[in-house]
Amino acid sequence: MNYYIKVFLGFFALGIFCALVYGSLNKAQADEAFPPDLLRTQMVPVYCGNSFEVLVTTMNTFKMQLMGSANVTVQGQPDGRLLGTMSVWYNTDNQKGVFYLTIPQTGETCLMSYGIDWVFDTEILLDIVNSSLANVSKLPDIEVE
């Protein structure tokens, strides 16, 4: 009986920890643009694991590729302290993808959501690609000897 109580308390403590991390990271971003009463804290399951193992499994087992990533900083400020990195991974063959949040301080990557049958706005994707290509063409030429 004590074993089950300890296991339950362990999972409960882990859940509280993940909820606090998730809430603080989201709150840091939410304060910038959303009115104070628009968003509220919500208890949701967040699954985290060793970043290396999670990302290698994502690439090798699920055959997903990194579509993009962004830094999560205090209050969304460019010079703010780094809280984590969010990333989007996608498998073009089976149309499945995930959103991750990697937390450098803990060395963990957390699965924030998982989706199937993705639908993309191709116009926006083309705008992103064209903008990226335009920025690459502005880079100085590098001579190779």
Protein backbone atom coordinates (compact mmCIF):
# COMPACT_ATOMS: atom_id res chain seq x y z
CA MET A 1 0.00 0.00 0.00
CA ASN A 2 2.80 2.45 0.89
CA TYR A 3 4.46 1.74 -2.46
CA TYR A 4 1.36 2.84 -4.36
CA ILE A 5 1.03 5.97 -2.26
CA LYS A 6 4.66 6.88 -2.95
CA VAL A 7 4.22 6.27 -6.68
CA PHE A 8 1.05 8.37 -6.70
CA LEU A 9 2.72 11.19 -4.77
CA GLY A 10 5.71 11.02 -7.12
CA PHE A 11 3.52 11.36 -10.20
CA PHE A 12 1.49 14.07 -8.51
CA ALA A 13 4.65 16.06 -7.64
CA LEU A 14 5.95 15.63 -11.20
CA GLY A 15 2.62 16.84 -12.58
CA ILE A 16 2.64 19.90 -10.33
CA PHE A 17 6.23 20.68 -11.37
CA CYS A 18 5.41 20.39 -15.08
CA ALA A 19 2.28 22.49 -14.67
CA LEU A 20 4.26 25.22 -12.92
CA VAL A 21 6.96 25.23 -15.61
CA TYR A 22 4.34 25.21 -18.37
CA GLY A 23 2.33 27.95 -16.68
CA SER A 24 5.32 30.20 -16.05
CA LEU A 25 6.61 29.83 -19.62
CA ASN A 26 3.20 30.55 -21.10
CA LYS A 27 2.55 33.41 -18.68
CA ALA A 28 5.84 35.00 -19.71
CA GLN A 29 4.65 35.08 -23.32
CA ALA A 30 1.00 35.81 -22.57
CA ASP A 31 1.62 39.03 -20.62
CA GLU A 32 2.95 40.78 -23.73
CA ALA A 33 -0.14 40.77 -25.91
CA PHE A 34 -3.22 39.34 -24.21
CA PRO A 35 -5.51 41.27 -21.86
CA PRO A 36 -5.07 40.19 -18.23
CA ASP A 37 -8.39 38.36 -17.88
CA LEU A 38 -8.39 36.64 -21.27
CA LEU A 39 -6.23 33.62 -20.34
CA ARG A 40 -6.30 31.46 -17.23
CA THR A 41 -4.15 28.66 -15.90
CA GLN A 42 -5.35 25.23 -16.97
CA MET A 43 -4.12 21.92 -15.59
CA VAL A 44 -3.17 19.73 -18.56
CA PRO A 45 -0.91 16.69 -18.76
CA VAL A 46 2.57 17.52 -20.03
CA TYR A 47 4.95 14.68 -20.82
CA CYS A 48 8.67 15.43 -20.53
CA GLY A 49 11.83 13.41 -21.04
CA ASN A 50 15.55 13.69 -21.64
CA SER A 51 15.93 16.11 -24.58
CA PHE A 52 18.45 14.00 -26.48
CA GLU A 53 16.34 10.86 -26.25
CA VAL A 54 13.07 12.63 -27.10
CA LEU A 55 14.52 14.39 -30.16
CA VAL A 56 16.38 11.32 -31.46
CA THR A 57 13.18 9.26 -31.09
CA THR A 58 11.25 11.98 -32.91
CA MET A 59 13.67 11.82 -35.85
CA ASN A 60 14.45 8.11 -35.99
CA THR A 61 11.25 6.41 -34.85
CA PHE A 62 8.58 8.88 -35.91
CA LYS A 63 10.53 10.10 -38.98
CA MET A 64 9.68 13.72 -38.21
CA GLN A 65 11.70 16.68 -39.36
CA LEU A 66 12.17 20.02 -37.63
CA MET A 67 9.97 22.62 -39.33
CA GLY A 68 10.92 25.53 -37.12
CA SER A 69 11.86 26.69 -33.66
CA ALA A 70 11.78 29.84 -31.57
CA ASN A 71 13.18 31.05 -28.28
CA VAL A 72 10.87 31.56 -25.32
CA THR A 73 12.17 34.47 -23.23
CA VAL A 74 10.97 36.38 -20.19
CA GLN A 75 8.02 38.53 -21.29
CA GLY A 76 8.82 37.71 -24.92
CA GLN A 77 11.64 40.26 -24.98
CA PRO A 78 14.50 39.66 -27.46
CA ASP A 79 17.08 40.37 -24.75
CA GLY A 80 15.09 38.56 -22.04
CA ARG A 81 16.40 35.54 -20.17
CA LEU A 82 15.96 32.33 -22.15
CA LEU A 83 13.31 30.12 -20.55
CA GLY A 84 13.08 27.49 -23.27
CA THR A 85 12.84 26.74 -26.96
CA MET A 86 9.63 25.77 -28.71
CA SER A 87 9.80 23.63 -31.83
CA VAL A 88 7.49 22.13 -34.44
CA TRP A 89 8.25 18.70 -35.93
CA TYR A 90 6.35 17.09 -38.80
CA ASN A 91 6.23 13.86 -40.82
CA THR A 92 5.16 14.57 -44.40
CA ASP A 93 4.34 10.92 -45.12
CA ASN A 94 1.74 10.35 -42.40
CA GLN A 95 0.78 14.01 -41.77
CA LYS A 96 1.52 13.87 -38.05
CA GLY A 97 3.33 16.51 -36.05
CA VAL A 98 4.26 17.65 -32.57
CA PHE A 99 4.95 20.84 -30.66
CA TYR A 100 7.79 20.58 -28.14
CA LEU A 101 9.08 22.86 -25.44
CA THR A 102 12.72 22.28 -24.55
CA ILE A 103 13.87 23.59 -21.17
CA PRO A 104 17.66 24.05 -21.09
CA GLN A 105 17.85 24.31 -17.28
CA THR A 106 16.44 20.81 -16.82
CA GLY A 107 17.74 19.18 -20.02
CA GLU A 108 14.19 18.07 -20.79
CA THR A 109 11.93 18.36 -23.79
CA CYS A 110 8.19 18.37 -23.16
CA LEU A 111 5.47 17.27 -25.56
CA MET A 112 3.00 20.15 -25.60
CA SER A 113 0.67 18.79 -28.28
CA TYR A 114 0.41 16.18 -31.01
CA GLY A 115 -1.64 16.51 -34.16
CA ILE A 116 -2.81 14.38 -37.07
CA ASP A 117 -4.12 15.24 -40.53
CA TRP A 118 -2.47 18.66 -40.61
CA VAL A 119 -3.73 21.28 -43.02
CA PHE A 120 -1.34 24.07 -43.98
CA ASP A 121 -1.98 27.47 -45.50
CA THR A 122 0.26 27.11 -48.56
CA GLU A 123 0.18 30.84 -49.30
CA ILE A 124 1.70 31.64 -45.91
CA LEU A 125 4.24 28.83 -46.27
CA LEU A 126 5.26 30.18 -49.68
CA ASP A 127 5.60 33.67 -48.20
CA ILE A 128 7.87 32.27 -45.49
CA VAL A 129 10.00 30.38 -48.02
CA ASN A 130 10.26 33.39 -50.34
CA SER A 131 11.21 35.66 -47.44
CA SER A 132 13.87 33.18 -46.32
CA LEU A 133 15.27 32.93 -49.84
CA ALA A 134 15.36 36.72 -50.11
CA ASN A 135 17.29 36.95 -46.84
CA VAL A 136 19.75 34.27 -47.98
CA SER A 137 20.40 36.13 -51.23
CA LYS A 138 21.41 39.19 -49.14
CA LEU A 139 24.20 37.26 -47.40
CA PRO A 140 27.74 38.13 -48.52
CA ASP A 141 29.42 35.74 -50.96
CA ILE A 142 31.99 33.45 -49.37
CA GLU A 143 34.97 32.53 -51.46
CA VAL A 144 36.07 28.91 -51.29
CA GLU A 145 39.71 28.19 -52.09
